[in-house]
Structure formats: structure tokens, C-alpha cells
Amino acid sequence: SRERAGVTFQQWADTCPPLSMFLFSDGSRLSNSDASTSAGWYGHWGAQKLECTRGHLCLPKHEVFDAEATAASAGLKAALNSTQ
């Protein structure tokens, strides 16, 4: 279940080193559109969940796979450039 997955992830995250970076990214397209694709990301440091980045991009005429790759890349670049 979704709840169990969340608990399992948090248990794993609690075992990671304090300065570990967690980056979540996604790419998506509206189901009623073949031109509206977007990419988004959110990142935080360690168990304290100190936010280091968040963002989104509109990617007209891109495939969802490309949006997902773009979100992962942009999120990682932003997190590594953060001052946190």
C-alpha cells in the first residue's frame, strides 16, 4: 500500500548519513494534450528534510521520458549548487 511504502522509505532514509541528499523528480503530460509536458523536482538534505531545491519546467512537445530525465538533471544541478 502507499502508506506502507512511505513508512518503509522513511525507515530506510533514517539509516542514511545525515548529509545525504534526497531528490525526487517527475515528468508528466496532461492526458488530453499532446503538447503540454512538464518536469518537476524537489530535494532535501538528510533526515531533517532541509529543503535544498524545488522547481518545475514546461517542456512543450517533449516526450514524458525526456521530461523525467530533464527533471532529474535540473534537480541535481540545482541541489549541488544550493548553499545549504
N, C-alpha and C. Protein backbone atom coordinates (compact mmCIF):
# COMPACT_ATOMS: atom_id res chain seq x y z
N SER A 1 0.84 -1.19 0.00
CA SER A 1 0.00 0.00 0.00
C SER A 1 0.88 1.25 0.00
N ARG A 2 0.29 2.36 -0.32
CA ARG A 2 1.00 3.64 -0.35
C ARG A 2 1.53 4.00 1.04
N GLU A 3 0.71 3.76 2.05
CA GLU A 3 1.12 4.09 3.42
C GLU A 3 2.32 3.26 3.85
N ARG A 4 2.28 1.98 3.53
CA ARG A 4 3.39 1.09 3.90
C ARG A 4 4.67 1.48 3.17
N ALA A 5 4.53 1.86 1.90
CA ALA A 5 5.70 2.29 1.13
C ALA A 5 6.34 3.53 1.76
N GLY A 6 5.50 4.46 2.23
CA GLY A 6 6.01 5.66 2.89
C GLY A 6 6.76 5.33 4.17
N VAL A 7 6.21 4.43 4.96
CA VAL A 7 6.86 4.01 6.20
C VAL A 7 8.17 3.31 5.91
N THR A 8 8.16 2.42 4.93
CA THR A 8 9.38 1.69 4.56
C THR A 8 10.46 2.64 4.07
N PHE A 9 10.08 3.62 3.24
CA PHE A 9 11.06 4.59 2.75
C PHE A 9 11.65 5.39 3.91
N GLN A 10 10.80 5.85 4.84
CA GLN A 10 11.30 6.65 5.95
C GLN A 10 12.23 5.84 6.84
N GLN A 11 11.92 4.57 7.04
CA GLN A 11 12.81 3.71 7.83
C GLN A 11 14.17 3.60 7.16
N TRP A 12 14.17 3.44 5.85
CA TRP A 12 15.44 3.37 5.11
C TRP A 12 16.17 4.72 5.18
N ALA A 13 15.45 5.82 4.95
CA ALA A 13 16.07 7.14 4.95
C ALA A 13 16.71 7.46 6.30
N ASP A 14 16.11 6.99 7.37
CA ASP A 14 16.66 7.23 8.71
C ASP A 14 18.00 6.54 8.92
N THR A 15 18.33 5.55 8.10
CA THR A 15 19.62 4.86 8.23
C THR A 15 20.72 5.51 7.39
N CYS A 16 20.37 6.48 6.57
CA CYS A 16 21.35 7.14 5.69
C CYS A 16 22.17 8.17 6.47
N PRO A 17 23.38 8.47 6.01
CA PRO A 17 24.19 9.50 6.67
C PRO A 17 23.44 10.84 6.73
N PRO A 18 23.70 11.64 7.77
CA PRO A 18 22.96 12.89 7.98
C PRO A 18 23.00 13.86 6.80
N LEU A 19 24.06 13.88 6.05
CA LEU A 19 24.16 14.84 4.94
C LEU A 19 23.77 14.22 3.59
N SER A 20 23.03 13.14 3.62
CA SER A 20 22.56 12.54 2.37
C SER A 20 21.57 13.48 1.68
N MET A 21 21.62 13.50 0.36
CA MET A 21 20.67 14.30 -0.40
C MET A 21 19.60 13.36 -0.95
N PHE A 22 18.35 13.79 -0.82
CA PHE A 22 17.22 13.07 -1.39
C PHE A 22 16.62 13.95 -2.47
N LEU A 23 16.53 13.43 -3.68
CA LEU A 23 15.99 14.19 -4.80
C LEU A 23 14.87 13.39 -5.43
N PHE A 24 13.71 14.01 -5.54
CA PHE A 24 12.54 13.39 -6.13
C PHE A 24 12.20 14.17 -7.39
N SER A 25 11.96 13.46 -8.48
CA SER A 25 11.68 14.14 -9.75
C SER A 25 10.58 13.41 -10.49
N ASP A 26 9.94 14.13 -11.42
CA ASP A 26 8.87 13.53 -12.20
C ASP A 26 8.68 14.30 -13.49
N GLY A 27 8.24 13.62 -14.49
CA GLY A 27 7.84 14.23 -15.74
C GLY A 27 6.44 13.74 -16.05
N SER A 28 5.62 14.61 -16.63
CA SER A 28 4.25 14.19 -16.91
C SER A 28 3.68 14.97 -18.08
N ARG A 29 2.58 14.46 -18.57
CA ARG A 29 1.86 15.11 -19.67
C ARG A 29 0.37 15.02 -19.36
N LEU A 30 -0.35 16.09 -19.63
CA LEU A 30 -1.79 16.07 -19.46
C LEU A 30 -2.38 15.02 -20.39
N SER A 31 -3.35 14.27 -19.89
CA SER A 31 -3.91 13.18 -20.69
C SER A 31 -4.67 13.67 -21.92
N ASN A 32 -5.15 14.90 -21.89
CA ASN A 32 -5.92 15.41 -23.02
C ASN A 32 -5.08 16.31 -23.93
N SER A 33 -3.77 16.22 -23.84
CA SER A 33 -2.92 17.11 -24.63
C SER A 33 -1.69 16.36 -25.11
N ASP A 34 -1.31 16.61 -26.35
CA ASP A 34 -0.07 16.01 -26.84
C ASP A 34 1.06 17.03 -26.88
N ALA A 35 0.81 18.23 -26.35
CA ALA A 35 1.83 19.28 -26.41
C ALA A 35 2.25 19.80 -25.05
N SER A 36 1.56 19.42 -23.99
CA SER A 36 1.80 20.01 -22.68
C SER A 36 2.50 19.01 -21.75
N THR A 37 3.82 19.04 -21.78
CA THR A 37 4.63 18.16 -20.93
C THR A 37 5.37 19.03 -19.92
N SER A 38 5.55 18.50 -18.71
CA SER A 38 6.24 19.28 -17.69
C SER A 38 7.19 18.39 -16.89
N ALA A 39 8.13 19.04 -16.22
CA ALA A 39 9.12 18.38 -15.38
C ALA A 39 9.13 19.08 -14.03
N GLY A 40 9.27 18.32 -12.97
CA GLY A 40 9.33 18.92 -11.64
C GLY A 40 10.26 18.15 -10.73
N TRP A 41 10.76 18.82 -9.70
CA TRP A 41 11.68 18.18 -8.75
C TRP A 41 11.61 18.85 -7.39
N TYR A 42 12.01 18.09 -6.38
CA TYR A 42 12.10 18.57 -5.01
C TYR A 42 13.26 17.83 -4.36
N GLY A 43 14.11 18.55 -3.65
CA GLY A 43 15.24 17.92 -2.99
C GLY A 43 15.42 18.43 -1.57
N HIS A 44 15.90 17.55 -0.70
CA HIS A 44 16.23 17.98 0.67
C HIS A 44 17.45 17.21 1.16
N TRP A 45 18.08 17.80 2.18
CA TRP A 45 19.27 17.19 2.79
C TRP A 45 18.86 16.45 4.05
N GLY A 46 19.28 15.22 4.18
CA GLY A 46 19.21 14.45 5.41
C GLY A 46 17.84 14.26 6.03
N ALA A 47 17.87 13.62 7.19
CA ALA A 47 16.65 13.29 7.91
C ALA A 47 15.91 14.53 8.39
N GLN A 48 16.63 15.67 8.52
CA GLN A 48 15.97 16.90 8.95
C GLN A 48 15.10 17.50 7.85
N LYS A 49 15.23 16.97 6.63
CA LYS A 49 14.46 17.42 5.47
C LYS A 49 14.64 18.91 5.22
N LEU A 50 15.88 19.37 5.28
CA LEU A 50 16.21 20.75 4.99
C LEU A 50 16.17 20.94 3.47
N GLU A 51 15.17 21.67 3.01
CA GLU A 51 14.98 21.82 1.56
C GLU A 51 16.19 22.45 0.91
N CYS A 52 16.62 21.88 -0.22
CA CYS A 52 17.75 22.45 -0.95
C CYS A 52 17.34 22.88 -2.36
N THR A 53 16.27 22.34 -2.88
CA THR A 53 15.82 22.75 -4.21
C THR A 53 14.39 22.31 -4.47
N ARG A 54 13.76 23.04 -5.32
CA ARG A 54 12.47 22.66 -5.88
C ARG A 54 12.29 23.46 -7.15
N GLY A 55 11.59 22.90 -8.10
CA GLY A 55 11.38 23.63 -9.34
C GLY A 55 10.55 22.85 -10.33
N HIS A 56 10.23 23.52 -11.42
CA HIS A 56 9.46 22.89 -12.48
C HIS A 56 9.73 23.61 -13.79
N LEU A 57 9.52 22.92 -14.87
CA LEU A 57 9.70 23.47 -16.21
C LEU A 57 8.57 22.99 -17.10
N CYS A 58 8.13 23.84 -18.01
CA CYS A 58 7.22 23.43 -19.08
C CYS A 58 8.08 23.05 -20.27
N LEU A 59 7.78 21.91 -20.85
CA LEU A 59 8.58 21.40 -21.96
C LEU A 59 7.64 21.06 -23.12
N PRO A 60 7.23 22.06 -23.88
CA PRO A 60 6.31 21.80 -24.98
C PRO A 60 6.91 20.82 -25.99
N LYS A 61 6.08 19.93 -26.44
CA LYS A 61 6.42 18.97 -27.49
C LYS A 61 7.57 18.04 -27.12
N HIS A 62 7.69 17.72 -25.84
CA HIS A 62 8.68 16.73 -25.38
C HIS A 62 7.94 15.45 -24.98
N GLU A 63 8.63 14.35 -25.02
CA GLU A 63 8.08 13.10 -24.52
C GLU A 63 8.19 13.08 -22.99
N VAL A 64 7.35 12.28 -22.35
CA VAL A 64 7.39 12.18 -20.89
C VAL A 64 8.76 11.69 -20.42
N PHE A 65 9.34 10.73 -21.11
CA PHE A 65 10.67 10.24 -20.74
C PHE A 65 11.68 11.38 -20.72
N ASP A 66 11.63 12.26 -21.72
CA ASP A 66 12.55 13.40 -21.77
C ASP A 66 12.30 14.35 -20.61
N ALA A 67 11.04 14.55 -20.26
CA ALA A 67 10.70 15.42 -19.13
C ALA A 67 11.22 14.84 -17.82
N GLU A 68 11.10 13.53 -17.66
CA GLU A 68 11.61 12.89 -16.45
C GLU A 68 13.13 13.02 -16.34
N ALA A 69 13.82 12.82 -17.44
CA ALA A 69 15.28 12.96 -17.44
C ALA A 69 15.69 14.41 -17.18
N THR A 70 14.95 15.35 -17.77
CA THR A 70 15.24 16.77 -17.56
C THR A 70 15.04 17.14 -16.10
N ALA A 71 13.96 16.66 -15.48
CA ALA A 71 13.70 16.96 -14.07
C ALA A 71 14.81 16.42 -13.17
N ALA A 72 15.25 15.20 -13.43
CA ALA A 72 16.33 14.62 -12.62
C ALA A 72 17.62 15.42 -12.77
N SER A 73 17.95 15.78 -13.99
CA SER A 73 19.18 16.53 -14.25
C SER A 73 19.12 17.93 -13.66
N ALA A 74 18.02 18.64 -13.91
CA ALA A 74 17.89 20.02 -13.40
C ALA A 74 17.84 20.03 -11.87
N GLY A 75 17.15 19.06 -11.29
CA GLY A 75 17.08 18.98 -9.83
C GLY A 75 18.44 18.72 -9.21
N LEU A 76 19.19 17.81 -9.79
CA LEU A 76 20.53 17.51 -9.26
C LEU A 76 21.45 18.71 -9.39
N LYS A 77 21.43 19.38 -10.53
CA LYS A 77 22.26 20.58 -10.71
C LYS A 77 21.90 21.65 -9.69
N ALA A 78 20.61 21.89 -9.51
CA ALA A 78 20.17 22.91 -8.56
C ALA A 78 20.56 22.54 -7.13
N ALA A 79 20.40 21.27 -6.76
CA ALA A 79 20.75 20.85 -5.41
C ALA A 79 22.25 20.99 -5.15
N LEU A 80 23.06 20.61 -6.11
CA LEU A 80 24.51 20.72 -5.94
C LEU A 80 24.98 22.17 -5.90
N ASN A 81 24.22 23.07 -6.50
CA ASN A 81 24.58 24.48 -6.49
C ASN A 81 23.95 25.24 -5.33
N SER A 82 23.14 24.56 -4.52
CA SER A 82 22.48 25.24 -3.40
C SER A 82 23.51 25.58 -2.33
N THR A 83 23.20 26.55 -1.52
CA THR A 83 24.11 26.98 -0.45
C THR A 83 23.88 26.22 0.84
N GLN A 84 22.95 25.31 0.85
CA GLN A 84 22.62 24.56 2.07
C GLN A 84 23.75 23.63 2.43
